[in-house]
Every structure is written in C-alpha cells, then in structure tokens.
Amino acid sequence: MSGFDLLARALSACGGEGWTGVLRVSGAPGGILHLRDGLVVAAESPGAPGPEALLLRSGRVDGEQWAELVREARGARWPAAGLIARGYAGAAQLTVVCVMALQDAVFAIVAGRVDGCERAEAGVEPPAPVTVGEPPARLLQDAVRKLAAVAALPHPVDPDRERPVPAPGFDGPLTTLRRELVEHADGRRTARDLAFRTGRGVYTVTVEVARMLGEGLLECPAVPAPIPVRAPPDGIRHRTPPPPAPPPPEEPAPVDLPRRRSNGFFRLRNGTPK
C-alpha cells in the first residue's frame, strides 16, 4: 500500500466515524491534521509555512506588532481576537489565511513521503483553526489536483528536490514574487525553502519555480557525476602492519658499593696507630 493510500484510508475512517482528535502523519515532511467531528479544522507541517508567516507576509501586521499581540494573549500561537480588535485584519480575512495554510500543509504532506498515520486524542485547541472544517476527501482531492497541475507543467518541480539558481544574462521586468525568488535562489534552497523565505504558500512557489525554469529565468546546476572508484585487477592488498617494537631494555639491578668507614683513609696512609 502506498503512502497516499495510507493517508487516504486513515482520513476516510476519521471522517466516517466523526472523530475528534489529531492524526499524526509520519514521513517527509509529515505533519499533523486536527479533526473535529470528522472534519479537518487545522493542519501543520514542517514542509509548509503556517498562517503566521502568511499573515506577516501580507503586510497587515509587522513583526513587532505580532510579538506584542502574542504577549497580550499570554503566548497564544494565533492571537485572532487581538488582530481583530486592533484592526489589523477582519474575521473573514483571518479565515482565508487559515484555510490557505491548512490546504498548503496538506499539499506538502501529500507531495512528500507518507510512512504511516497514527491517531491521538485532542489536547489543546489547534492553532489557527477554521470555523467550518474541511471534509477529508475534498482536501485530498484538492492536493492531488495541485500535484497533477505541477506535473503537467513543461518543467515539473518537486517541492523538496530542485535547487535552482538565477539564469545568467537575464535582465527584464519581474513580478514581485519572481523578483524575490531570483533574489533568494542560490542553488541551496528548494521550492519549500523559498516558500519559507518569502512567506508564500509552498504550492504557489513550486508552480512559479517550475514556470521560471521553463521560461529560462531560473536553472538547476548540473549535479557533478560521481567519480568511479576501481579496484586493482589483483584485488585490494591489505597493508601488513609493521612488527611490534622490541620491549625496552631492563634497567640493571642496583649494585651495593662498599661503605666507607670512619678514619679508614688515615689508617691506610699512616699505618695503624699504636
């Protein structure tokens, strides 16, 4: 059974039972799906930026304002009440951000490797939940549709595989997103890395990177071919270790010297006194 089938069966069972809790998906990148009455209300994955990153990137709130809101909310990961009260965002706008983050996390999980799924009881309230949950089947269908759209591009890209660099010699107008991708593409970052760097959805960045590769704005450096290592015809000769060093010579035993007696020298030179 493939990893996708494991995830599909686990989510289908959760939805059919109207289950409330978390579904932990192990793999690369893996993630956590939060369910309420069989509907997915939030999703987290190390493979996709969360709602906080998406909201900060929108420019509605900056880093200092966000930190102040978190302090006022006593460390809450998603201070929705403060965002609305301060006028940084409306309830409808926050819902859109949460839905985008949820769908993007599911896309990252499905696009990666799924090793297994495990249920766990619900603990604390999930971060940035949506008011009306998403049916699991519809979430998976949306993720599969996005994967098919990426695969249909002239230069398909895996979110965690290609590491592009700017193509030399190009000097033309670019959109804001493309300019940011050109700026941060350094041959070490994948589409997933670029999504975190720019604060965009991993699906959005993956599609844009694929298009820019197809248009010649980005390119992937060729991976150097491995150098073949050939054994000698007569096999590998193991080096014979040198003989052990001889043990150090034993120290000679101490010799007892004759002891000098008092007035001995005088008796030998002048004779024995009478």
C-alpha atoms as a PDB file:
ATOM      1  CA  MET A   1       0.000   0.000   0.000  1.00  0.00           C
ATOM      2  CA  SER A   2       1.402   3.409  -0.968  1.00  0.00           C
ATOM      3  CA  GLY A   3       1.800   6.265   1.465  1.00  0.00           C
ATOM      4  CA  PHE A   4      -1.034   8.190  -0.146  1.00  0.00           C
ATOM      5  CA  ASP A   5      -3.351   5.219   0.258  1.00  0.00           C
ATOM      6  CA  LEU A   6      -2.427   5.004   3.944  1.00  0.00           C
ATOM      7  CA  LEU A   7      -3.293   8.665   4.436  1.00  0.00           C
ATOM      8  CA  ALA A   8      -6.493   8.423   2.380  1.00  0.00           C
ATOM      9  CA  ARG A   9      -7.731   5.413   4.333  1.00  0.00           C
ATOM     10  CA  ALA A  10      -6.885   6.967   7.700  1.00  0.00           C
ATOM     11  CA  LEU A  11      -8.640  10.240   6.873  1.00  0.00           C
ATOM     12  CA  SER A  12     -11.629   8.448   5.404  1.00  0.00           C
ATOM     13  CA  ALA A  13     -12.018   6.428   8.598  1.00  0.00           C
ATOM     14  CA  CYS A  14     -11.762   9.566  10.735  1.00  0.00           C
ATOM     15  CA  GLY A  15     -14.376  11.308   8.630  1.00  0.00           C
ATOM     16  CA  GLY A  16     -16.729   8.342   8.614  1.00  0.00           C
ATOM     17  CA  GLU A  17     -16.565   7.998  12.402  1.00  0.00           C
ATOM     18  CA  GLY A  18     -16.965  11.713  13.013  1.00  0.00           C
ATOM     19  CA  TRP A  19     -13.780  11.511  15.028  1.00  0.00           C
ATOM     20  CA  THR A  20     -12.286  14.374  17.055  1.00  0.00           C
ATOM     21  CA  GLY A  21      -8.558  14.411  17.701  1.00  0.00           C
ATOM     22  CA  VAL A  22      -5.282  14.626  15.813  1.00  0.00           C
ATOM     23  CA  LEU A  23      -3.901  12.432  13.050  1.00  0.00           C
ATOM     24  CA  ARG A  24      -0.099  12.327  13.110  1.00  0.00           C
ATOM     25  CA  VAL A  25       1.402  11.649   9.699  1.00  0.00           C
ATOM     26  CA  SER A  26       4.966  10.355   9.810  1.00  0.00           C
ATOM     27  CA  GLY A  27       7.237  10.758   6.807  1.00  0.00           C
ATOM     28  CA  ALA A  28       8.991  13.551   4.976  1.00  0.00           C
ATOM     29  CA  PRO A  29       7.918  16.223   5.694  1.00  0.00           C
ATOM     30  CA  GLY A  30       4.930  14.689   7.517  1.00  0.00           C
ATOM     31  CA  GLY A  31       2.610  16.740   9.678  1.00  0.00           C
ATOM     32  CA  ILE A  32      -0.397  16.832  11.972  1.00  0.00           C
ATOM     33  CA  LEU A  33      -4.060  17.085  10.986  1.00  0.00           C
ATOM     34  CA  HIS A  34      -6.534  18.366  13.587  1.00  0.00           C
ATOM     35  CA  LEU A  35     -10.070  16.993  13.229  1.00  0.00           C
ATOM     36  CA  ARG A  36     -13.337  17.964  14.873  1.00  0.00           C
ATOM     37  CA  ASP A  37     -16.389  15.771  14.308  1.00  0.00           C
ATOM     38  CA  GLY A  38     -14.698  14.184  11.307  1.00  0.00           C
ATOM     39  CA  LEU A  39     -13.769  17.486   9.629  1.00  0.00           C
ATOM     40  CA  VAL A  40     -10.234  18.865   9.322  1.00  0.00           C
ATOM     41  CA  VAL A  41     -10.061  22.242  11.084  1.00  0.00           C
ATOM     42  CA  ALA A  42      -6.275  22.805  11.021  1.00  0.00           C
ATOM     43  CA  ALA A  43      -3.095  21.274   9.638  1.00  0.00           C
ATOM     44  CA  GLU A  44       0.565  21.742  10.464  1.00  0.00           C
ATOM     45  CA  SER A  45       3.600  20.574   8.526  1.00  0.00           C
ATOM     46  CA  PRO A  46       7.302  21.451   8.577  1.00  0.00           C
ATOM     47  CA  GLY A  47       7.012  21.434   4.792  1.00  0.00           C
ATOM     48  CA  ALA A  48       4.753  24.495   4.504  1.00  0.00           C
ATOM     49  CA  PRO A  49       4.633  27.979   6.094  1.00  0.00           C
ATOM     50  CA  GLY A  50       1.934  28.395   8.728  1.00  0.00           C
ATOM     51  CA  PRO A  51      -0.760  31.077   8.905  1.00  0.00           C
ATOM     52  CA  GLU A  52       1.515  33.374  10.928  1.00  0.00           C
ATOM     53  CA  ALA A  53       4.070  33.534   8.093  1.00  0.00           C
ATOM     54  CA  LEU A  54       1.342  34.116   5.506  1.00  0.00           C
ATOM     55  CA  LEU A  55      -0.224  36.899   7.556  1.00  0.00           C
ATOM     56  CA  LEU A  56       3.089  38.651   8.219  1.00  0.00           C
ATOM     57  CA  ARG A  57       3.942  38.450   4.525  1.00  0.00           C
ATOM     58  CA  SER A  58       0.642  40.141   3.645  1.00  0.00           C
ATOM     59  CA  GLY A  59       1.842  43.305   5.376  1.00  0.00           C
ATOM     60  CA  ARG A  60      -1.255  43.650   7.548  1.00  0.00           C
ATOM     61  CA  VAL A  61       0.866  43.297  10.677  1.00  0.00           C
ATOM     62  CA  ASP A  62       4.610  43.526  11.234  1.00  0.00           C
ATOM     63  CA  GLY A  63       6.882  41.502  13.489  1.00  0.00           C
ATOM     64  CA  GLU A  64       6.818  43.916  16.435  1.00  0.00           C
ATOM     65  CA  GLN A  65       3.039  44.200  16.379  1.00  0.00           C
ATOM     66  CA  TRP A  66       2.735  40.422  16.197  1.00  0.00           C
ATOM     67  CA  ALA A  67       5.049  39.941  19.183  1.00  0.00           C
ATOM     68  CA  GLU A  68       3.018  42.448  21.196  1.00  0.00           C
ATOM     69  CA  LEU A  69      -0.217  40.639  20.355  1.00  0.00           C
ATOM     70  CA  VAL A  70       1.266  37.299  21.412  1.00  0.00           C
ATOM     71  CA  ARG A  71       2.363  38.793  24.750  1.00  0.00           C
ATOM     72  CA  GLU A  72      -1.094  40.240  25.340  1.00  0.00           C
ATOM     73  CA  ALA A  73      -2.640  36.850  24.505  1.00  0.00           C
ATOM     74  CA  ARG A  74      -0.293  35.162  27.026  1.00  0.00           C
ATOM     75  CA  GLY A  75       1.696  33.279  24.420  1.00  0.00           C
ATOM     76  CA  ALA A  76      -1.174  32.185  22.181  1.00  0.00           C
ATOM     77  CA  ARG A  77       0.107  30.992  18.815  1.00  0.00           C
ATOM     78  CA  TRP A  78      -2.764  32.630  16.929  1.00  0.00           C
ATOM     79  CA  PRO A  79      -3.995  35.832  18.638  1.00  0.00           C
ATOM     80  CA  ALA A  80      -7.094  36.213  16.463  1.00  0.00           C
ATOM     81  CA  ALA A  81      -9.020  38.317  18.985  1.00  0.00           C
ATOM     82  CA  GLY A  82      -6.190  40.848  19.207  1.00  0.00           C
ATOM     83  CA  LEU A  83      -5.763  41.019  15.458  1.00  0.00           C
ATOM     84  CA  ILE A  84      -9.435  41.859  15.028  1.00  0.00           C
ATOM     85  CA  ALA A  85      -9.602  44.255  17.995  1.00  0.00           C
ATOM     86  CA  ARG A  86      -6.577  46.230  16.760  1.00  0.00           C
ATOM     87  CA  GLY A  87      -7.998  46.415  13.267  1.00  0.00           C
ATOM     88  CA  TYR A  88      -5.082  44.560  11.681  1.00  0.00           C
ATOM     89  CA  ALA A  89      -7.393  42.086   9.967  1.00  0.00           C
ATOM     90  CA  GLY A  90     -11.047  41.192   9.842  1.00  0.00           C
ATOM     91  CA  ALA A  91     -12.578  37.868  10.776  1.00  0.00           C
ATOM     92  CA  ALA A  92     -13.176  36.970   7.122  1.00  0.00           C
ATOM     93  CA  GLN A  93      -9.568  37.776   6.196  1.00  0.00           C
ATOM     94  CA  LEU A  94      -8.219  35.601   9.005  1.00  0.00           C
ATOM     95  CA  THR A  95     -10.447  32.752   7.866  1.00  0.00           C
ATOM     96  CA  VAL A  96      -9.000  32.987   4.358  1.00  0.00           C
ATOM     97  CA  VAL A  97      -5.444  32.894   5.742  1.00  0.00           C
ATOM     98  CA  CYS A  98      -6.248  29.866   7.913  1.00  0.00           C
ATOM     99  CA  VAL A  99      -7.838  27.962   5.026  1.00  0.00           C
ATOM    100  CA  MET A 100      -4.860  28.732   2.780  1.00  0.00           C
ATOM    101  CA  ALA A 101      -2.420  27.487   5.419  1.00  0.00           C
ATOM    102  CA  LEU A 102      -4.486  24.340   6.013  1.00  0.00           C
ATOM    103  CA  GLN A 103      -4.667  23.439   2.326  1.00  0.00           C
ATOM    104  CA  ASP A 104      -0.992  24.222   1.775  1.00  0.00           C
ATOM    105  CA  ALA A 105       0.066  21.987   4.672  1.00  0.00           C
ATOM    106  CA  VAL A 106      -1.997  19.093   3.281  1.00  0.00           C
ATOM    107  CA  PHE A 107      -0.425  19.645  -0.152  1.00  0.00           C
ATOM    108  CA  ALA A 108       3.070  19.499   1.371  1.00  0.00           C
ATOM    109  CA  ILE A 109       2.222  16.275   3.228  1.00  0.00           C
ATOM    110  CA  VAL A 110       0.769  14.584   0.139  1.00  0.00           C
ATOM    111  CA  ALA A 111       3.618  15.779  -2.101  1.00  0.00           C
ATOM    112  CA  GLY A 112       6.155  14.201   0.254  1.00  0.00           C
ATOM    113  CA  ARG A 113       6.581  10.696   1.616  1.00  0.00           C
ATOM    114  CA  VAL A 114       3.971   9.204   3.936  1.00  0.00           C
ATOM    115  CA  ASP A 115       5.266   6.380   6.141  1.00  0.00           C
ATOM    116  CA  GLY A 116       2.328   5.957   8.486  1.00  0.00           C
ATOM    117  CA  CYS A 117      -0.630   7.540  10.274  1.00  0.00           C
ATOM    118  CA  GLU A 118      -1.437   7.433  13.968  1.00  0.00           C
ATOM    119  CA  ARG A 119      -4.414   8.804  15.863  1.00  0.00           C
ATOM    120  CA  ALA A 120      -4.074  10.695  19.129  1.00  0.00           C
ATOM    121  CA  GLU A 121      -6.537  12.301  21.471  1.00  0.00           C
ATOM    122  CA  ALA A 122      -7.080  16.020  21.101  1.00  0.00           C
ATOM    123  CA  GLY A 123      -5.066  18.100  23.545  1.00  0.00           C
ATOM    124  CA  VAL A 124      -5.044  21.882  23.447  1.00  0.00           C
ATOM    125  CA  GLU A 125      -7.007  23.854  20.899  1.00  0.00           C
ATOM    126  CA  PRO A 126      -5.268  23.651  17.492  1.00  0.00           C
ATOM    127  CA  PRO A 127      -3.539  26.806  16.272  1.00  0.00           C
ATOM    128  CA  ALA A 128      -5.491  28.889  13.792  1.00  0.00           C
ATOM    129  CA  PRO A 129      -8.462  26.550  13.304  1.00  0.00           C
ATOM    130  CA  VAL A 130     -11.080  27.293  10.691  1.00  0.00           C
ATOM    131  CA  THR A 131     -14.627  27.790  11.881  1.00  0.00           C
ATOM    132  CA  VAL A 132     -16.121  25.322   9.414  1.00  0.00           C
ATOM    133  CA  GLY A 133     -13.884  22.308   8.866  1.00  0.00           C
ATOM    134  CA  GLU A 134     -12.938  20.789   5.540  1.00  0.00           C
ATOM    135  CA  PRO A 135     -14.121  17.289   4.568  1.00  0.00           C
ATOM    136  CA  PRO A 136     -11.056  14.995   4.375  1.00  0.00           C
ATOM    137  CA  ALA A 137     -11.955  13.670   0.915  1.00  0.00           C
ATOM    138  CA  ARG A 138     -12.186  17.173  -0.537  1.00  0.00           C
ATOM    139  CA  LEU A 139      -8.835  18.155   0.996  1.00  0.00           C
ATOM    140  CA  LEU A 140      -7.116  15.154  -0.544  1.00  0.00           C
ATOM    141  CA  GLN A 141      -8.750  15.737  -3.929  1.00  0.00           C
ATOM    142  CA  ASP A 142      -7.527  19.346  -3.878  1.00  0.00           C
ATOM    143  CA  ALA A 143      -3.964  18.228  -3.046  1.00  0.00           C
ATOM    144  CA  VAL A 144      -3.980  15.614  -5.827  1.00  0.00           C
ATOM    145  CA  ARG A 145      -5.313  18.165  -8.313  1.00  0.00           C
ATOM    146  CA  LYS A 146      -2.448  20.529  -7.435  1.00  0.00           C
ATOM    147  CA  LEU A 147       0.131  17.783  -7.813  1.00  0.00           C
ATOM    148  CA  ALA A 148      -1.276  16.947 -11.236  1.00  0.00           C
ATOM    149  CA  ALA A 149      -1.153  20.619 -12.236  1.00  0.00           C
ATOM    150  CA  VAL A 150       2.539  20.827 -11.280  1.00  0.00           C
ATOM    151  CA  ALA A 151       3.326  17.580 -13.122  1.00  0.00           C
ATOM    152  CA  ALA A 152       1.651  18.918 -16.273  1.00  0.00           C
ATOM    153  CA  LEU A 153       3.960  21.942 -16.492  1.00  0.00           C
ATOM    154  CA  PRO A 154       6.785  21.863 -19.074  1.00  0.00           C
ATOM    155  CA  HIS A 155       9.353  21.712 -16.265  1.00  0.00           C
ATOM    156  CA  PRO A 156       7.723  19.990 -13.271  1.00  0.00           C
ATOM    157  CA  VAL A 157       9.289  20.595  -9.880  1.00  0.00           C
ATOM    158  CA  ASP A 158       9.193  18.678  -6.622  1.00  0.00           C
ATOM    159  CA  PRO A 159       8.794  20.965  -3.588  1.00  0.00           C
ATOM    160  CA  ASP A 160      11.849  19.418  -1.921  1.00  0.00           C
ATOM    161  CA  ARG A 161      14.075  18.389  -4.826  1.00  0.00           C
ATOM    162  CA  GLU A 162      15.278  21.028  -7.297  1.00  0.00           C
ATOM    163  CA  ARG A 163      17.610  23.785  -6.049  1.00  0.00           C
ATOM    164  CA  PRO A 164      17.560  26.482  -8.736  1.00  0.00           C
ATOM    165  CA  VAL A 165      19.825  29.452  -9.377  1.00  0.00           C
ATOM    166  CA  PRO A 166      19.149  32.578 -11.480  1.00  0.00           C
ATOM    167  CA  ALA A 167      19.908  32.109 -15.158  1.00  0.00           C
ATOM    168  CA  PRO A 168      22.828  34.316 -16.286  1.00  0.00           C
ATOM    169  CA  GLY A 169      22.252  37.196 -18.633  1.00  0.00           C
ATOM    170  CA  PHE A 170      18.571  37.827 -17.924  1.00  0.00           C
ATOM    171  CA  ASP A 171      17.643  41.433 -17.322  1.00  0.00           C
ATOM    172  CA  GLY A 172      13.936  42.104 -17.662  1.00  0.00           C
ATOM    173  CA  PRO A 173      10.854  43.122 -15.698  1.00  0.00           C
ATOM    174  CA  LEU A 174       9.724  40.696 -12.990  1.00  0.00           C
ATOM    175  CA  THR A 175       6.721  40.431 -10.746  1.00  0.00           C
ATOM    176  CA  THR A 176       7.225  40.882  -7.014  1.00  0.00           C
ATOM    177  CA  LEU A 177       7.200  37.144  -6.377  1.00  0.00           C
ATOM    178  CA  ARG A 178       9.582  36.371  -9.230  1.00  0.00           C
ATOM    179  CA  ARG A 179      11.970  39.084  -8.112  1.00  0.00           C
ATOM    180  CA  GLU A 180      12.034  37.586  -4.614  1.00  0.00           C
ATOM    181  CA  LEU A 181      12.625  34.092  -5.980  1.00  0.00           C
ATOM    182  CA  VAL A 182      15.514  35.303  -8.135  1.00  0.00           C
ATOM    183  CA  GLU A 183      16.966  37.079  -5.125  1.00  0.00           C
ATOM    184  CA  HIS A 184      16.825  34.052  -2.816  1.00  0.00           C
ATOM    185  CA  ALA A 185      17.503  31.195  -5.275  1.00  0.00           C
ATOM    186  CA  ASP A 186      21.129  30.346  -4.567  1.00  0.00           C
ATOM    187  CA  GLY A 187      21.459  26.687  -5.519  1.00  0.00           C
ATOM    188  CA  ARG A 188      20.922  25.513  -1.939  1.00  0.00           C
ATOM    189  CA  ARG A 189      17.215  26.286  -1.459  1.00  0.00           C
ATOM    190  CA  THR A 190      14.355  24.136  -2.730  1.00  0.00           C
ATOM    191  CA  ALA A 191      10.881  25.426  -3.545  1.00  0.00           C
ATOM    192  CA  ARG A 192       9.871  24.614   0.025  1.00  0.00           C
ATOM    193  CA  ASP A 193      12.826  26.618   1.375  1.00  0.00           C
ATOM    194  CA  LEU A 194      11.941  29.528  -0.890  1.00  0.00           C
ATOM    195  CA  ALA A 195       8.339  29.413   0.343  1.00  0.00           C
ATOM    196  CA  PHE A 196       9.505  29.892   3.933  1.00  0.00           C
ATOM    197  CA  ARG A 197      11.988  32.557   2.852  1.00  0.00           C
ATOM    198  CA  THR A 198       9.376  34.607   1.021  1.00  0.00           C
ATOM    199  CA  GLY A 199       6.408  33.858   3.283  1.00  0.00           C
ATOM    200  CA  ARG A 200       4.369  32.351   0.454  1.00  0.00           C
ATOM    201  CA  GLY A 201       2.481  29.101   0.089  1.00  0.00           C
ATOM    202  CA  VAL A 202       4.628  26.146  -0.914  1.00  0.00           C
ATOM    203  CA  TYR A 203       2.256  25.262  -3.764  1.00  0.00           C
ATOM    204  CA  THR A 204       2.363  28.810  -5.128  1.00  0.00           C
ATOM    205  CA  VAL A 205       6.165  28.894  -5.011  1.00  0.00           C
ATOM    206  CA  THR A 206       6.505  25.409  -6.519  1.00  0.00           C
ATOM    207  CA  VAL A 207       4.356  26.379  -9.510  1.00  0.00           C
ATOM    208  CA  GLU A 208       6.221  29.667 -10.007  1.00  0.00           C
ATOM    209  CA  VAL A 209       9.634  28.000  -9.805  1.00  0.00           C
ATOM    210  CA  ALA A 210       8.517  25.434 -12.391  1.00  0.00           C
ATOM    211  CA  ARG A 211       7.320  28.172 -14.736  1.00  0.00           C
ATOM    212  CA  MET A 212      10.515  30.205 -14.319  1.00  0.00           C
ATOM    213  CA  LEU A 213      12.615  27.125 -15.075  1.00  0.00           C
ATOM    214  CA  GLY A 214      10.574  26.553 -18.215  1.00  0.00           C
ATOM    215  CA  GLU A 215      10.987  30.199 -19.286  1.00  0.00           C
ATOM    216  CA  GLY A 216      14.735  30.214 -18.675  1.00  0.00           C
ATOM    217  CA  LEU A 217      14.633  32.650 -15.755  1.00  0.00           C
ATOM    218  CA  LEU A 218      15.968  30.014 -13.384  1.00  0.00           C
ATOM    219  CA  GLU A 219      18.106  26.961 -13.992  1.00  0.00           C
ATOM    220  CA  CYS A 220      19.256  23.962 -11.999  1.00  0.00           C
ATOM    221  CA  PRO A 221      23.017  23.388 -11.882  1.00  0.00           C
ATOM    222  CA  ALA A 222      24.066  20.025 -13.188  1.00  0.00           C
ATOM    223  CA  VAL A 223      24.920  17.592 -10.449  1.00  0.00           C
ATOM    224  CA  PRO A 224      28.561  16.513 -10.873  1.00  0.00           C
ATOM    225  CA  ALA A 225      28.911  12.891 -11.943  1.00  0.00           C
ATOM    226  CA  PRO A 226      30.335  10.627  -9.273  1.00  0.00           C
ATOM    227  CA  ILE A 227      33.963   9.611  -9.788  1.00  0.00           C
ATOM    228  CA  PRO A 228      34.152   5.844 -10.288  1.00  0.00           C
ATOM    229  CA  VAL A 229      36.429   4.004  -7.923  1.00  0.00           C
ATOM    230  CA  ARG A 230      38.001   0.917  -9.470  1.00  0.00           C
ATOM    231  CA  ALA A 231      39.774  -1.820  -7.553  1.00  0.00           C
ATOM    232  CA  PRO A 232      43.143  -3.089  -8.868  1.00  0.00           C
ATOM    233  CA  PRO A 233      42.990  -6.258 -11.006  1.00  0.00           C
ATOM    234  CA  ASP A 234      44.671  -8.428  -8.373  1.00  0.00           C
ATOM    235  CA  GLY A 235      42.379  -7.205  -5.639  1.00  0.00           C
ATOM    236  CA  ILE A 236      42.941  -4.891  -2.784  1.00  0.00           C
ATOM    237  CA  ARG A 237      46.140  -5.514  -0.937  1.00  0.00           C
ATOM    238  CA  HIS A 238      45.920  -5.040   2.751  1.00  0.00           C
ATOM    239  CA  ARG A 239      48.926  -3.387   4.241  1.00  0.00           C
ATOM    240  CA  THR A 240      50.947  -5.659   6.505  1.00  0.00           C
ATOM    241  CA  PRO A 241      51.355  -3.954   9.835  1.00  0.00           C
ATOM    242  CA  PRO A 242      54.969  -3.406  10.945  1.00  0.00           C
ATOM    243  CA  PRO A 243      56.377  -5.749  13.603  1.00  0.00           C
ATOM    244  CA  PRO A 244      55.868  -4.589  17.133  1.00  0.00           C
ATOM    245  CA  ALA A 245      58.656  -2.551  18.653  1.00  0.00           C
ATOM    246  CA  PRO A 246      61.047  -4.501  20.925  1.00  0.00           C
ATOM    247  CA  PRO A 247      60.423  -4.051  24.598  1.00  0.00           C
ATOM    248  CA  PRO A 248      62.664  -1.509  26.328  1.00  0.00           C
ATOM    249  CA  PRO A 249      65.804  -2.979  27.976  1.00  0.00           C
ATOM    250  CA  GLU A 250      65.503  -3.813  31.600  1.00  0.00           C
ATOM    251  CA  GLU A 251      67.263  -1.487  33.970  1.00  0.00           C
ATOM    252  CA  PRO A 252      70.289  -3.103  35.674  1.00  0.00           C
ATOM    253  CA  ALA A 253      69.825  -4.073  39.283  1.00  0.00           C
ATOM    254  CA  PRO A 254      71.452  -1.631  41.689  1.00  0.00           C
ATOM    255  CA  VAL A 255      74.953  -2.717  42.940  1.00  0.00           C
ATOM    256  CA  ASP A 256      75.840  -2.321  46.614  1.00  0.00           C
ATOM    257  CA  LEU A 257      79.083  -0.333  46.818  1.00  0.00           C
ATOM    258  CA  PRO A 258      81.471  -0.757  49.772  1.00  0.00           C
ATOM    259  CA  ARG A 259      80.710   1.634  52.508  1.00  0.00           C
ATOM    260  CA  ARG A 260      83.449   3.975  53.709  1.00  0.00           C
ATOM    261  CA  ARG A 261      84.404   3.559  57.308  1.00  0.00           C
ATOM    262  CA  SER A 262      85.374   6.387  59.586  1.00  0.00           C
ATOM    263  CA  ASN A 263      89.150   7.108  59.738  1.00  0.00           C
ATOM    264  CA  GLY A 264      89.870   4.381  57.182  1.00  0.00           C
ATOM    265  CA  PHE A 265      91.876   6.657  54.936  1.00  0.00           C
ATOM    266  CA  PHE A 266      94.121   7.773  57.797  1.00  0.00           C
ATOM    267  CA  ARG A 267      94.933   4.203  58.808  1.00  0.00           C
ATOM    268  CA  LEU A 268      95.872   3.199  55.239  1.00  0.00           C
ATOM    269  CA  ARG A 269      98.197   6.195  54.737  1.00  0.00           C
ATOM    270  CA  ASN A 270      99.892   6.430  58.102  1.00  0.00           C
ATOM    271  CA  GLY A 271      99.540   2.912  59.283  1.00  0.00           C
ATOM    272  CA  THR A 272      97.689   1.607  62.240  1.00  0.00           C
ATOM    273  CA  PRO A 273      98.200   3.730  65.297  1.00  0.00           C
ATOM    274  CA  LYS A 274      99.882   2.027  68.187  1.00  0.00           C
END
